[in-house]
Amino acid sequence: RVLGVALSLGPVGRLLEAVLHRQGPFGGFILLLPLKKQAAFAEMVLREWKERLRRETKALFYLARGVKRDLEDAAREERVPVVGATAMGGAFALGRDSNGSGFFPGQGGIHGVLKTLAQEWPDVHVEAVDLNPDEPAPVLAAHLLDDIMGGDDQVEVGYDGSHRVTLEPVP
């Protein structure tokens, strides 16, 4: 199974193979790569934009595909977190300057992938957490831990300062 994953998922598959070999099956994961400080969207050329989408959103899709069986197996025994952090300002880019520091609209795709996973994996605790990248790292970590340990069923939340923001889709 691991070899098949590695061959079909490229670099993500090779990473999964290495982690599985060293640590055993996955019991959840937290995607933090989107929090890395990078150039603002307005400063990117097309090649950079495509590369960032590949590294953040497409890699998340491949990672989820590669660990699906492990997560579903683990969810039979315990709460399994799958969390993706984004840096769209803590309020899903509402009212945020799109030319601001590090803003990248492609991170909306991360929320889309995670909301889809939440529908497809009802036994796994899937969550998309939008954060304000201007807050200190310990504050961001506290927001993430609060949500992972909080136990509610919100799939999409944001933290802008001390305010927790949730979205409730309406048909």
Protein backbone atom coordinates (compact mmCIF):
# COMPACT_ATOMS: atom_id res chain seq x y z
CA ARG A 1 0.00 0.00 0.00
CA VAL A 2 2.73 2.51 0.93
CA LEU A 3 4.68 1.91 -2.27
CA GLY A 4 1.55 2.44 -4.36
CA VAL A 5 0.89 5.73 -2.57
CA ALA A 6 4.47 6.90 -3.11
CA LEU A 7 4.41 6.16 -6.81
CA SER A 8 1.06 7.80 -7.45
CA LEU A 9 1.52 10.95 -5.36
CA GLY A 10 5.07 12.00 -6.25
CA PRO A 11 6.92 14.05 -3.58
CA VAL A 12 3.98 13.93 -1.14
CA GLY A 13 3.86 10.15 -1.50
CA ARG A 14 7.58 9.85 -0.79
CA LEU A 15 7.14 11.98 2.33
CA LEU A 16 4.21 9.82 3.45
CA GLU A 17 6.25 6.68 2.87
CA ALA A 18 9.09 8.04 5.02
CA VAL A 19 6.73 9.07 7.85
CA LEU A 20 4.87 5.75 7.76
CA HIS A 21 8.16 3.86 7.84
CA ARG A 22 9.48 5.84 10.84
CA GLN A 23 6.31 6.55 12.82
CA GLY A 24 3.61 4.13 11.71
CA PRO A 25 0.05 4.94 10.59
CA PHE A 26 -1.27 8.49 10.65
CA GLY A 27 -3.63 9.51 13.42
CA GLY A 28 -4.29 13.00 12.03
CA PHE A 29 -2.37 15.98 10.68
CA ILE A 30 -2.15 19.76 10.81
CA LEU A 31 -1.23 21.69 7.66
CA LEU A 32 0.82 24.75 8.66
CA LEU A 33 2.62 25.51 5.39
CA PRO A 34 0.17 28.29 4.40
CA LEU A 35 1.30 30.28 7.46
CA LYS A 36 4.82 30.68 6.08
CA LYS A 37 5.63 34.34 5.30
CA GLN A 38 5.72 34.83 1.55
CA ALA A 39 5.39 37.56 -1.04
CA ALA A 40 2.04 39.31 -1.36
CA PHE A 41 -0.22 38.12 -4.15
CA ALA A 42 0.09 41.45 -5.99
CA GLU A 43 3.87 40.91 -6.23
CA MET A 44 3.69 37.36 -7.62
CA VAL A 45 4.29 36.35 -11.18
CA LEU A 46 2.18 33.54 -12.64
CA ARG A 47 4.89 30.91 -12.08
CA GLU A 48 5.05 31.77 -8.33
CA TRP A 49 1.27 31.72 -8.04
CA LYS A 50 1.03 28.26 -9.61
CA GLU A 51 3.86 26.94 -7.43
CA ARG A 52 2.22 28.21 -4.27
CA LEU A 53 -1.10 26.59 -5.23
CA ARG A 54 0.76 23.34 -5.90
CA ARG A 55 2.60 23.43 -2.55
CA GLU A 56 -0.38 24.38 -0.42
CA THR A 57 -3.67 23.24 -1.94
CA LYS A 58 -2.68 20.42 -4.28
CA ALA A 59 -0.29 18.92 -1.73
CA LEU A 60 -3.12 18.95 0.85
CA PHE A 61 -5.30 17.01 -1.58
CA TYR A 62 -2.55 14.42 -2.18
CA LEU A 63 -1.76 14.19 1.52
CA ALA A 64 -5.41 13.54 2.36
CA ARG A 65 -5.66 10.96 -0.40
CA GLY A 66 -2.53 9.22 0.85
CA VAL A 67 -3.61 8.96 4.51
CA LYS A 68 -7.33 8.34 3.98
CA ARG A 69 -7.31 4.71 5.08
CA ASP A 70 -5.15 5.40 8.15
CA LEU A 71 -7.41 8.25 9.28
CA GLU A 72 -10.62 6.28 8.79
CA ASP A 73 -9.14 3.35 10.74
CA ALA A 74 -7.96 5.61 13.57
CA ALA A 75 -11.34 7.40 13.72
CA ARG A 76 -12.98 4.14 14.79
CA GLU A 77 -11.02 4.34 18.07
CA GLU A 78 -10.53 8.05 18.83
CA ARG A 79 -11.02 11.64 17.68
CA VAL A 80 -8.85 12.21 14.63
CA PRO A 81 -7.96 15.81 13.73
CA VAL A 82 -7.30 16.99 10.19
CA VAL A 83 -6.67 20.72 10.37
CA GLY A 84 -5.52 23.19 7.76
CA ALA A 85 -4.41 26.67 8.78
CA THR A 86 -4.63 29.61 6.38
CA ALA A 87 -3.40 33.20 6.64
CA MET A 88 -6.25 35.18 5.08
CA GLY A 89 -6.59 37.48 8.07
CA GLY A 90 -8.74 35.51 10.49
CA ALA A 91 -12.04 36.47 8.87
CA PHE A 92 -11.72 34.61 5.53
CA ALA A 93 -10.39 37.71 3.70
CA LEU A 94 -13.55 39.68 4.44
CA GLY A 95 -12.53 43.32 4.63
CA ARG A 96 -8.84 42.48 4.18
CA ASP A 97 -6.60 44.41 1.81
CA SER A 98 -5.77 41.92 -0.94
CA ASN A 99 -2.43 43.67 -1.41
CA GLY A 100 -1.57 43.22 2.27
CA SER A 101 1.37 41.31 3.67
CA GLY A 102 1.37 37.71 2.57
CA PHE A 103 -2.29 37.57 1.49
CA PHE A 104 -2.88 34.83 -1.08
CA PRO A 105 -6.43 34.23 -2.37
CA GLY A 106 -5.51 30.70 -3.43
CA GLN A 107 -5.77 29.70 0.22
CA GLY A 108 -9.52 29.70 -0.23
CA GLY A 109 -8.91 26.41 -2.07
CA ILE A 110 -7.55 24.90 1.15
CA HIS A 111 -10.87 25.65 2.84
CA GLY A 112 -12.68 24.08 -0.12
CA VAL A 113 -10.65 20.86 0.07
CA LEU A 114 -11.15 20.63 3.83
CA LYS A 115 -14.91 21.27 3.67
CA THR A 116 -15.15 18.51 1.07
CA LEU A 117 -13.16 16.15 3.29
CA ALA A 118 -15.48 16.95 6.19
CA GLN A 119 -18.40 15.73 4.06
CA GLU A 120 -16.58 12.64 2.81
CA TRP A 121 -15.07 11.66 6.18
CA PRO A 122 -17.86 12.21 8.74
CA ASP A 123 -15.96 10.34 11.49
CA VAL A 124 -12.82 12.49 11.15
CA HIS A 125 -12.69 15.94 12.78
CA VAL A 126 -11.84 18.11 9.76
CA GLU A 127 -11.36 21.83 10.23
CA ALA A 128 -10.16 24.84 8.27
CA VAL A 129 -8.81 27.56 10.57
CA ASP A 130 -8.13 31.02 9.16
CA LEU A 131 -5.63 33.08 11.14
CA ASN A 132 -4.28 36.60 11.12
CA PRO A 133 -0.63 36.20 10.08
CA ASP A 134 0.30 39.46 11.82
CA GLU A 135 -0.30 37.88 15.25
CA PRO A 136 2.67 36.33 17.12
CA ALA A 137 3.34 32.62 16.57
CA PRO A 138 2.41 31.64 20.17
CA VAL A 139 -1.01 33.29 19.72
CA LEU A 140 -1.57 31.45 16.41
CA ALA A 141 -0.58 28.16 18.05
CA ALA A 142 -2.99 28.81 20.93
CA HIS A 143 -5.84 29.48 18.49
CA LEU A 144 -5.14 26.21 16.67
CA LEU A 145 -4.91 24.19 19.88
CA ASP A 146 -8.09 25.77 21.23
CA ASP A 147 -9.97 24.64 18.17
CA ILE A 148 -8.44 21.18 17.95
CA MET A 149 -9.17 20.51 21.62
CA GLY A 150 -12.46 22.43 21.73
CA GLY A 151 -14.65 19.61 20.57
CA ASP A 152 -17.26 21.50 18.54
CA ASP A 153 -18.24 20.46 15.04
CA GLN A 154 -17.44 23.70 13.21
CA VAL A 155 -15.61 22.98 9.97
CA GLU A 156 -14.61 26.52 9.11
CA VAL A 157 -13.45 28.98 11.77
CA GLY A 158 -11.29 32.07 11.93
CA TYR A 159 -9.45 34.02 14.58
CA ASP A 160 -8.97 37.74 14.19
CA GLY A 161 -7.45 38.91 17.43
CA SER A 162 -9.48 37.44 20.27
CA HIS A 163 -12.59 37.09 18.08
CA ARG A 164 -13.55 33.61 16.88
CA VAL A 165 -15.42 33.84 13.59
CA THR A 166 -17.51 31.01 12.14
CA LEU A 167 -19.25 30.61 8.83
CA GLU A 168 -22.60 28.92 8.55
CA PRO A 169 -23.51 28.07 4.95
CA VAL A 170 -27.16 28.54 4.09
CA PRO A 171 -28.77 26.80 1.09
